[in-house]
Protein backbone atom coordinates (compact mmCIF):
# COMPACT_ATOMS: atom_id res chain seq x y z
CA MET A 1 -35.46 434.04 37.85
CA MET A 2 -34.18 435.77 34.75
CA THR A 3 -30.50 435.93 33.87
CA THR A 4 -28.49 438.17 31.60
CA LYS A 5 -24.87 438.64 30.63
CA SER A 6 -22.37 441.44 30.96
CA ILE A 7 -20.09 441.42 27.93
CA TYR A 8 -16.35 441.63 28.53
CA GLN A 9 -15.14 444.69 26.59
CA PRO A 10 -11.45 445.35 27.31
CA ALA A 11 -11.46 447.88 24.46
CA LEU A 12 -13.42 450.25 26.71
CA LEU A 13 -10.37 450.71 28.92
CA GLY A 14 -8.93 454.19 28.45
CA LYS A 15 -11.93 455.49 26.51
CA THR A 16 -13.86 458.60 27.48
CA LEU A 17 -17.37 458.16 28.81
CA ALA A 18 -18.73 459.62 25.56
CA GLN A 19 -16.79 457.02 23.60
CA ILE A 20 -17.94 454.20 25.89
CA ASP A 21 -21.53 455.40 25.54
CA ALA A 22 -21.26 455.38 21.76
CA ILE A 23 -19.82 451.85 21.75
CA MET A 24 -22.45 450.49 24.10
CA ALA A 25 -25.23 452.12 22.09
CA THR A 26 -24.37 449.69 19.28
CA MET A 27 -24.39 446.60 21.52
CA PRO A 28 -27.47 444.36 21.91
CA GLU A 29 -29.58 445.23 24.93
CA SER A 30 -29.09 443.05 27.99
CA GLY A 31 -32.66 443.32 29.20
CA ARG A 32 -35.80 445.36 29.64
CA ILE A 33 -37.13 446.92 32.78
CA ASP A 34 -40.74 446.27 31.91
CA THR A 35 -42.26 444.12 34.65
CA LEU A 36 -45.20 446.00 36.16
CA ASN A 37 -45.55 444.25 39.49
CA TRP A 38 -48.34 446.50 40.77
CA VAL A 39 -50.19 446.95 37.49
CA GLU A 40 -53.61 447.66 38.96
CA ARG A 41 -52.36 450.75 40.76
CA TYR A 42 -49.40 451.65 38.53
CA PRO A 43 -50.31 450.37 35.05
CA VAL A 44 -47.65 452.11 32.93
CA ALA A 45 -43.95 452.88 32.95
CA PRO A 46 -41.57 454.41 30.42
CA GLN A 47 -39.95 451.99 27.96
CA THR A 48 -36.59 451.25 29.58
CA THR A 49 -33.78 448.97 28.43
CA PHE A 50 -30.30 448.34 29.79
CA THR A 51 -27.00 447.17 28.36
CA LEU A 52 -24.18 445.67 30.45
CA ALA A 53 -20.45 445.55 29.74
CA HIS A 54 -17.34 445.25 31.86
CA THR A 55 -13.59 445.59 31.81
CA ASP A 56 -11.15 444.22 34.36
CA GLU A 57 -11.88 447.29 36.49
CA MET A 58 -15.39 448.55 35.81
CA LEU A 59 -18.98 447.40 35.36
CA TYR A 60 -20.84 449.64 32.92
CA VAL A 61 -24.62 449.93 32.79
CA ARG A 62 -26.23 451.92 30.00
CA TYR A 63 -29.92 452.76 30.44
CA GLU A 64 -32.14 454.01 27.63
CA VAL A 65 -35.52 455.51 28.54
CA ARG A 66 -38.26 456.42 26.07
CA GLY A 67 -41.54 458.11 26.84
CA GLU A 68 -40.53 460.13 29.90
CA LEU A 69 -39.37 463.68 30.43
CA PRO A 70 -36.05 463.52 32.32
CA LEU A 71 -37.21 465.10 35.59
CA THR A 72 -34.16 466.14 37.59
CA THR A 73 -34.74 468.07 40.81
CA LYS A 74 -32.00 466.51 42.95
CA THR A 75 -28.51 467.93 42.48
CA GLN A 76 -26.43 466.36 45.28
CA ASP A 77 -25.42 462.74 45.77
CA LEU A 78 -27.35 460.87 48.50
CA GLU A 79 -30.49 462.91 47.89
CA LEU A 80 -33.73 461.00 47.17
CA VAL A 81 -33.29 460.62 43.42
CA ASN A 82 -36.16 458.09 43.39
CA GLU A 83 -38.44 461.12 43.45
CA ASP A 84 -37.04 462.14 40.04
CA ALA A 85 -37.02 460.11 36.85
CA CYS A 86 -34.90 457.31 38.26
CA VAL A 87 -33.05 454.19 37.13
CA GLU A 88 -31.49 451.76 39.58
CA ILE A 89 -29.35 448.65 39.92
CA PHE A 90 -29.09 446.57 43.08
CA ILE A 91 -26.21 444.07 43.24
CA ALA A 92 -25.75 441.40 45.89
CA ASP A 93 -22.48 440.60 47.60
CA ALA A 94 -20.77 437.34 46.69
CA ASP A 95 -22.28 435.61 49.73
CA ASN A 96 -25.78 437.06 49.13
CA THR A 97 -26.09 438.35 52.69
CA HIS A 98 -25.98 442.06 51.79
CA TYR A 99 -26.38 444.12 48.63
CA TRP A 100 -25.44 447.43 47.08
CA ASN A 101 -28.20 449.77 45.86
CA PHE A 102 -27.28 452.34 43.20
CA GLU A 103 -29.98 454.85 42.20
CA PHE A 104 -29.58 457.61 39.61
CA ASN A 105 -31.59 460.46 38.11
CA PRO A 106 -31.01 461.54 34.48
CA ALA A 107 -28.23 463.93 35.52
CA GLY A 108 -26.34 461.05 37.13
CA VAL A 109 -26.93 462.22 40.69
CA CYS A 110 -26.51 459.08 42.79
CA ASN A 111 -28.00 457.72 45.97
CA ALA A 112 -26.15 454.56 47.00
CA SER A 113 -25.75 452.35 50.03
CA HIS A 114 -24.66 448.93 51.22
CA ARG A 115 -27.25 447.10 53.30
CA LYS A 116 -28.81 443.84 54.44
CA GLU A 117 -32.43 444.96 54.10
CA ARG A 118 -34.21 448.21 53.40
CA LYS A 119 -33.76 449.40 57.01
CA VAL A 120 -31.15 446.96 58.31
CA ASP A 121 -27.36 447.45 58.34
CA VAL A 122 -27.58 450.49 56.06
CA VAL A 123 -24.24 452.14 55.28
CA ARG A 124 -24.33 455.02 52.82
CA LEU A 125 -21.42 455.43 50.43
CA ASN A 126 -18.85 457.99 51.47
CA PRO A 127 -17.73 460.89 49.22
CA GLU A 128 -14.70 459.00 47.90
CA GLN A 129 -16.80 455.98 46.94
CA LEU A 130 -19.42 458.17 45.28
CA ALA A 131 -16.75 460.04 43.33
CA SER A 132 -15.49 456.73 41.93
CA ILE A 133 -18.82 456.06 40.17
CA GLN A 134 -18.73 457.33 36.60
CA ARG A 135 -21.86 458.94 35.09
CA TYR A 136 -22.68 460.24 31.63
CA GLY A 137 -26.21 461.30 30.69
CA LYS A 138 -27.74 462.49 27.41
CA GLN A 139 -31.14 463.84 26.44
CA LEU A 140 -31.81 462.72 22.88
CA CYS A 141 -35.18 464.47 22.57
CA ALA A 142 -37.90 465.72 24.90
CA ALA A 143 -38.89 462.28 26.21
CA HIS A 144 -35.89 460.13 25.28
CA TRP A 145 -32.81 460.01 27.48
CA THR A 146 -29.88 457.76 28.29
CA LEU A 147 -27.60 457.33 31.25
CA LEU A 148 -24.29 455.49 31.34
CA VAL A 149 -22.86 454.60 34.75
CA GLY A 150 -19.55 452.93 35.57
CA ILE A 151 -19.26 451.11 38.89
CA PRO A 152 -15.76 450.05 39.98
CA LEU A 153 -15.55 446.31 40.52
CA ALA A 154 -13.45 447.00 43.61
CA LEU A 155 -16.29 449.04 45.10
CA ILE A 156 -18.62 446.03 45.09
CA ASP A 157 -15.82 443.56 45.86
CA LEU A 158 -16.33 441.73 42.57
CA ASP A 159 -13.30 439.58 41.74
CA LEU A 160 -13.68 438.20 38.22
CA THR A 161 -10.85 435.74 38.77
CA HIS A 162 -13.09 433.86 41.20
CA GLU A 163 -16.66 434.96 40.40
CA ARG A 164 -18.70 434.40 37.29
CA ALA A 165 -22.09 435.70 38.43
CA ARG A 166 -23.81 438.06 40.87
CA ARG A 167 -27.46 438.26 41.80
CA ALA A 168 -29.02 441.61 40.89
CA ASN A 169 -32.12 443.46 39.81
CA LEU A 170 -32.68 446.67 37.86
CA TYR A 171 -35.51 449.12 38.29
CA LYS A 172 -37.29 452.16 36.86
CA CYS A 173 -39.30 454.45 39.08
CA GLY A 174 -40.42 458.02 39.59
CA ASP A 175 -42.16 458.89 42.83
CA LYS A 176 -42.87 462.48 41.82
CA THR A 177 -42.89 462.30 38.04
CA ALA A 178 -45.94 463.21 35.97
CA THR A 179 -46.90 459.54 35.85
CA LYS A 180 -45.84 457.77 39.02
CA HIS A 181 -44.42 454.38 38.11
CA TYR A 182 -42.55 451.31 39.35
CA ALA A 183 -41.05 448.67 37.08
CA SER A 184 -38.41 445.98 37.46
CA TRP A 185 -36.34 443.62 35.34
CA ASN A 186 -37.06 440.58 37.51
CA ALA A 187 -40.56 440.20 38.87
CA ILE A 188 -41.29 441.09 42.50
CA ASP A 189 -44.02 439.41 44.55
CA ALA A 190 -44.96 442.03 47.13
CA PRO A 191 -48.27 443.71 47.98
CA VAL A 192 -46.96 447.27 47.55
CA PRO A 193 -44.06 448.78 45.57
CA ALA A 194 -40.81 447.56 47.13
CA PHE A 195 -37.40 447.17 45.49
CA HIS A 196 -35.32 446.23 48.55
CA LEU A 197 -36.18 442.56 48.26
CA PRO A 198 -33.07 440.59 47.23
CA GLU A 199 -35.02 437.33 47.26
CA PHE A 200 -36.40 438.46 43.90
CA PHE A 201 -33.06 439.33 42.29
CA GLY A 202 -32.12 437.76 38.98
CA GLU A 203 -28.55 437.02 37.91
CA ILE A 204 -25.89 438.80 35.93
CA GLN A 205 -23.30 436.46 34.42
CA PHE A 206 -19.76 437.65 33.70
């Protein structure tokens, strides 16, 4: 199981998303989403890195993707953004019985739920919860894009006064992109592409 750290950055408080993006662009990457778990069938994926930072109120994840056109066909939250160029983070609850799945296309359109398994105890986020998730995307050139997302700690019930780590995994996929692909940060041992497997989560330390 791999681990990584989210850096405490109180200076991000009160900044615009553009300013936060610029600051996080200068920070060391937290990890790479480069594990090709089904390499025989899906042998390539865009080069994708992520950077993590947090304040007392927000967890920020900045993705940087190279080598992929930012396909964006979904325009409304809760649509199947995994069919577009998609980046994802799944975060377990403190007791590891359920997890949150957050999925985004390059425009920041979000599909998110709280669940126990892929098809068990699935509760989709409501409009107020979705509106609380910050998103800021940029296309740097034809096949180079970034996405910054801010997830309220209160949304995922993360209390940094009592918790110092959460299990999680991050993913890159594109079901209907020019080159269909599936990659993860932590390795997944499954016969076919599957991300809803919390037993293969790594750990984010705070």
